[in-house]
Amino acid sequence: MTDLSILQPALRFAPELLLKAQGRGLGMKAAVFDVDGVLTDGRLYIAESGEQFKAFHSLDGHGLKLLAQAGIVPIICTGRDSPAVRRRVADLGLQHAHYGVKDKLAVVQQAISALGVDWADLAVIGDDWPDLPLLVRAGLACAPANAHAEVKAVAHHVSALQGGEGAARELCDLLLIASGAYARLLHGQLTTLDAA
């Protein structure tokens, strides 16, 4: 049997990216996630009846739960509203979600003010123009590989992964490593998944 106490995390990020993800101290305090194009691949499936279907990646969902366990507040901010997104957020037990948002800057400013978080201690991942006001203010701005060119241009980090295919999990892992919580959470899951 393998000695689990000597197992070291395999995931690595560039030192300069880790420094950026540390913000002004021990890591980012909160992270904002867009939905369409970040937590999904951006495609909208609409049935003839008007019902919307969305596909979410389980890796992203688990990453969001790990962030919350580490004390980094995940915030969902999406321009669209649908039962599918509300169901996914509820299934993950996320406490901070904003749906059908027209002015993401105003909503996120209010949310982080209520949490006592400054922009410098906030990470944001977005994929299109409505996310730009958040990305240019965030301490750490990220984009999935399939983001619009203008979003990639302002991002501190562009994932090699696409939205809905693990890009959000990559940001979660980066934030967990930068905060020092990654190894502890990994080792905890080697013995039980009950806390996840």
Protein backbone atom coordinates (compact mmCIF):
# COMPACT_ATOMS: atom_id res chain seq x y z
CA MET A 1 0.00 0.00 0.00
CA THR A 2 1.23 3.52 -0.82
CA ASP A 3 2.17 5.77 2.09
CA LEU A 4 -0.35 8.59 1.60
CA SER A 5 1.57 10.94 3.89
CA ILE A 6 4.40 11.27 1.36
CA LEU A 7 2.19 11.87 -1.68
CA GLN A 8 2.96 15.29 -3.16
CA PRO A 9 0.60 17.32 -5.37
CA ALA A 10 1.33 16.83 -9.08
CA LEU A 11 -0.19 20.10 -10.26
CA ARG A 12 2.18 23.01 -10.90
CA PHE A 13 1.77 26.62 -12.03
CA ALA A 14 4.40 29.17 -13.08
CA PRO A 15 5.83 31.06 -10.09
CA GLU A 16 4.83 34.48 -11.46
CA LEU A 17 1.22 33.31 -11.89
CA LEU A 18 1.18 31.95 -8.33
CA LEU A 19 2.44 35.31 -7.06
CA LYS A 20 -0.33 37.09 -8.95
CA ALA A 21 -2.88 34.65 -7.49
CA GLN A 22 -1.68 35.42 -3.97
CA GLY A 23 -2.99 38.95 -4.28
CA ARG A 24 -1.82 41.11 -1.39
CA GLY A 25 -1.19 38.33 1.05
CA LEU A 26 -2.36 34.79 1.58
CA GLY A 27 -4.39 34.50 -1.58
CA MET A 28 -7.59 35.74 -3.13
CA LYS A 29 -10.59 36.11 -0.82
CA ALA A 30 -13.27 35.51 -3.47
CA ALA A 31 -13.64 34.49 -7.10
CA VAL A 32 -16.31 35.44 -9.63
CA PHE A 33 -17.39 32.91 -12.25
CA ASP A 34 -19.43 33.67 -15.35
CA VAL A 35 -21.63 30.78 -16.48
CA ASP A 36 -22.12 30.67 -20.27
CA GLY A 37 -18.72 30.12 -21.83
CA VAL A 38 -16.99 29.52 -18.48
CA LEU A 39 -18.94 26.91 -16.50
CA THR A 40 -20.50 25.74 -19.78
CA ASP A 41 -19.11 25.59 -23.31
CA GLY A 42 -21.17 28.66 -24.19
CA ARG A 43 -23.65 26.91 -26.45
CA LEU A 44 -27.33 27.42 -25.67
CA TYR A 45 -29.66 24.47 -26.19
CA ILE A 46 -33.27 25.61 -26.34
CA ALA A 47 -36.07 23.12 -26.91
CA GLU A 48 -39.13 23.98 -28.97
CA SER A 49 -41.01 24.44 -25.68
CA GLY A 50 -38.43 27.03 -24.60
CA GLU A 51 -36.74 24.80 -22.04
CA GLN A 52 -33.00 25.41 -21.83
CA PHE A 53 -30.37 22.72 -21.48
CA LYS A 54 -26.82 23.30 -20.31
CA ALA A 55 -23.89 20.95 -19.78
CA PHE A 56 -21.65 21.49 -16.76
CA HIS A 57 -18.35 19.76 -16.05
CA SER A 58 -18.07 17.89 -12.77
CA LEU A 59 -14.44 18.98 -12.37
CA ASP A 60 -15.53 22.61 -12.28
CA GLY A 61 -18.25 21.88 -9.75
CA HIS A 62 -15.89 20.08 -7.41
CA GLY A 63 -13.40 22.93 -7.71
CA LEU A 64 -16.06 25.43 -6.65
CA LYS A 65 -16.86 23.30 -3.59
CA LEU A 66 -13.16 23.07 -2.72
CA LEU A 67 -12.82 26.86 -2.94
CA ALA A 68 -15.63 27.28 -0.43
CA GLN A 69 -13.99 24.71 1.88
CA ALA A 70 -10.77 26.72 1.75
CA GLY A 71 -12.55 29.96 2.68
CA ILE A 72 -12.39 31.49 -0.81
CA VAL A 73 -15.91 32.66 -1.63
CA PRO A 74 -17.16 31.50 -5.06
CA ILE A 75 -19.55 34.02 -6.63
CA ILE A 76 -21.64 33.17 -9.68
CA CYS A 77 -22.55 36.16 -11.85
CA THR A 78 -24.38 35.44 -15.07
CA GLY A 79 -26.21 37.54 -17.59
CA ARG A 80 -28.75 34.80 -18.20
CA ASP A 81 -31.17 33.09 -15.86
CA SER A 82 -32.37 29.52 -16.25
CA PRO A 83 -33.65 26.69 -14.11
CA ALA A 84 -30.61 24.63 -15.16
CA VAL A 85 -28.15 27.17 -13.75
CA ARG A 86 -30.15 27.64 -10.58
CA ARG A 87 -30.28 23.86 -10.11
CA ARG A 88 -26.52 23.50 -10.60
CA VAL A 89 -25.76 26.31 -8.13
CA ALA A 90 -28.13 24.77 -5.57
CA ASP A 91 -26.66 21.28 -6.06
CA LEU A 92 -23.19 22.70 -5.36
CA GLY A 93 -24.43 24.51 -2.24
CA LEU A 94 -23.09 27.86 -3.43
CA GLN A 95 -24.28 30.78 -1.31
CA HIS A 96 -23.53 33.71 -3.65
CA ALA A 97 -25.17 33.71 -7.07
CA HIS A 98 -26.61 36.47 -9.24
CA TYR A 99 -28.79 35.64 -12.26
CA GLY A 100 -30.02 37.68 -15.22
CA VAL A 101 -27.48 40.41 -14.46
CA LYS A 102 -27.37 43.33 -16.89
CA ASP A 103 -24.71 45.37 -15.07
CA LYS A 104 -22.14 42.91 -13.76
CA LEU A 105 -19.91 45.66 -12.38
CA ALA A 106 -22.62 47.08 -10.12
CA VAL A 107 -23.72 43.66 -8.89
CA VAL A 108 -20.21 42.39 -8.18
CA GLN A 109 -19.22 45.66 -6.50
CA GLN A 110 -22.18 45.31 -4.15
CA ALA A 111 -21.43 41.61 -3.52
CA ILE A 112 -17.76 42.08 -2.66
CA SER A 113 -18.49 45.16 -0.55
CA ALA A 114 -20.93 43.06 1.50
CA LEU A 115 -18.19 40.43 1.90
CA GLY A 116 -15.52 43.01 2.78
CA VAL A 117 -13.40 42.04 -0.24
CA ASP A 118 -11.37 44.52 -2.30
CA TRP A 119 -10.89 44.17 -6.06
CA ALA A 120 -7.20 43.41 -5.44
CA ASP A 121 -8.24 40.26 -3.53
CA LEU A 122 -10.72 39.11 -6.16
CA ALA A 123 -10.20 36.65 -9.01
CA VAL A 124 -12.53 36.72 -12.02
CA ILE A 125 -12.97 34.33 -14.92
CA GLY A 126 -15.03 35.45 -17.89
CA ASP A 127 -15.22 34.92 -21.61
CA ASP A 128 -16.95 37.85 -23.30
CA TRP A 129 -17.39 41.63 -23.30
CA PRO A 130 -19.90 41.81 -20.42
CA ASP A 131 -17.12 40.42 -18.18
CA LEU A 132 -14.55 43.07 -19.18
CA PRO A 133 -15.48 45.62 -16.44
CA LEU A 134 -14.78 42.91 -13.84
CA LEU A 135 -11.63 41.55 -15.45
CA VAL A 136 -9.89 44.93 -15.73
CA ARG A 137 -10.46 45.61 -12.00
CA ALA A 138 -9.71 42.15 -10.59
CA GLY A 139 -6.50 41.27 -8.81
CA LEU A 140 -6.40 38.14 -10.98
CA ALA A 141 -8.20 38.08 -14.35
CA CYS A 142 -8.57 34.74 -16.14
CA ALA A 143 -10.19 33.51 -19.33
CA PRO A 144 -10.92 30.11 -20.84
CA ALA A 145 -9.23 29.15 -24.11
CA ASN A 146 -12.42 29.85 -26.07
CA ALA A 147 -12.86 33.40 -24.73
CA HIS A 148 -13.26 36.40 -27.02
CA ALA A 149 -10.00 38.04 -28.14
CA GLU A 150 -10.65 41.23 -26.14
CA VAL A 151 -11.07 39.20 -22.96
CA LYS A 152 -7.87 37.25 -23.59
CA ALA A 153 -6.06 40.54 -24.15
CA VAL A 154 -6.79 41.78 -20.60
CA ALA A 155 -6.48 38.43 -18.81
CA HIS A 156 -3.49 37.73 -16.58
CA HIS A 157 -3.95 34.05 -17.40
CA VAL A 158 -5.64 32.28 -20.31
CA SER A 159 -6.36 28.64 -19.61
CA ALA A 160 -5.40 25.97 -22.10
CA LEU A 161 -8.84 24.51 -21.31
CA GLN A 162 -12.14 25.68 -22.73
CA GLY A 163 -15.20 26.84 -20.88
CA GLY A 164 -17.27 23.90 -19.69
CA GLU A 165 -14.23 21.65 -20.04
CA GLY A 166 -12.25 22.40 -16.89
CA ALA A 167 -11.13 26.03 -17.26
CA ALA A 168 -12.97 27.03 -14.09
CA ARG A 169 -11.40 24.10 -12.20
CA GLU A 170 -7.97 25.28 -13.32
CA LEU A 171 -8.64 28.67 -11.73
CA CYS A 172 -9.90 26.96 -8.56
CA ASP A 173 -6.74 24.85 -8.36
CA LEU A 174 -4.54 27.89 -8.95
CA LEU A 175 -6.26 29.79 -6.14
CA LEU A 176 -6.04 26.81 -3.79
CA ILE A 177 -2.32 26.37 -4.43
CA ALA A 178 -1.64 30.10 -4.05
CA SER A 179 -3.51 30.16 -0.74
CA GLY A 180 -1.67 27.12 0.61
CA ALA A 181 -4.86 25.05 0.94
CA TYR A 182 -4.41 22.69 -2.02
CA ALA A 183 -2.19 20.03 -0.42
CA ARG A 184 -4.30 19.92 2.75
CA LEU A 185 -7.51 19.45 0.76
CA LEU A 186 -5.90 16.84 -1.49
CA HIS A 187 -4.63 14.80 1.44
CA GLY A 188 -8.01 15.09 3.13
CA GLN A 189 -9.69 13.59 0.07
CA LEU A 190 -7.27 10.69 0.03
CA THR A 191 -8.94 9.43 3.18
CA THR A 192 -12.57 10.59 2.81
CA LEU A 193 -14.81 12.39 0.37
CA ASP A 194 -17.45 13.10 3.02
CA ALA A 195 -16.41 16.74 3.42
CA ALA A 196 -16.59 17.45 -0.30
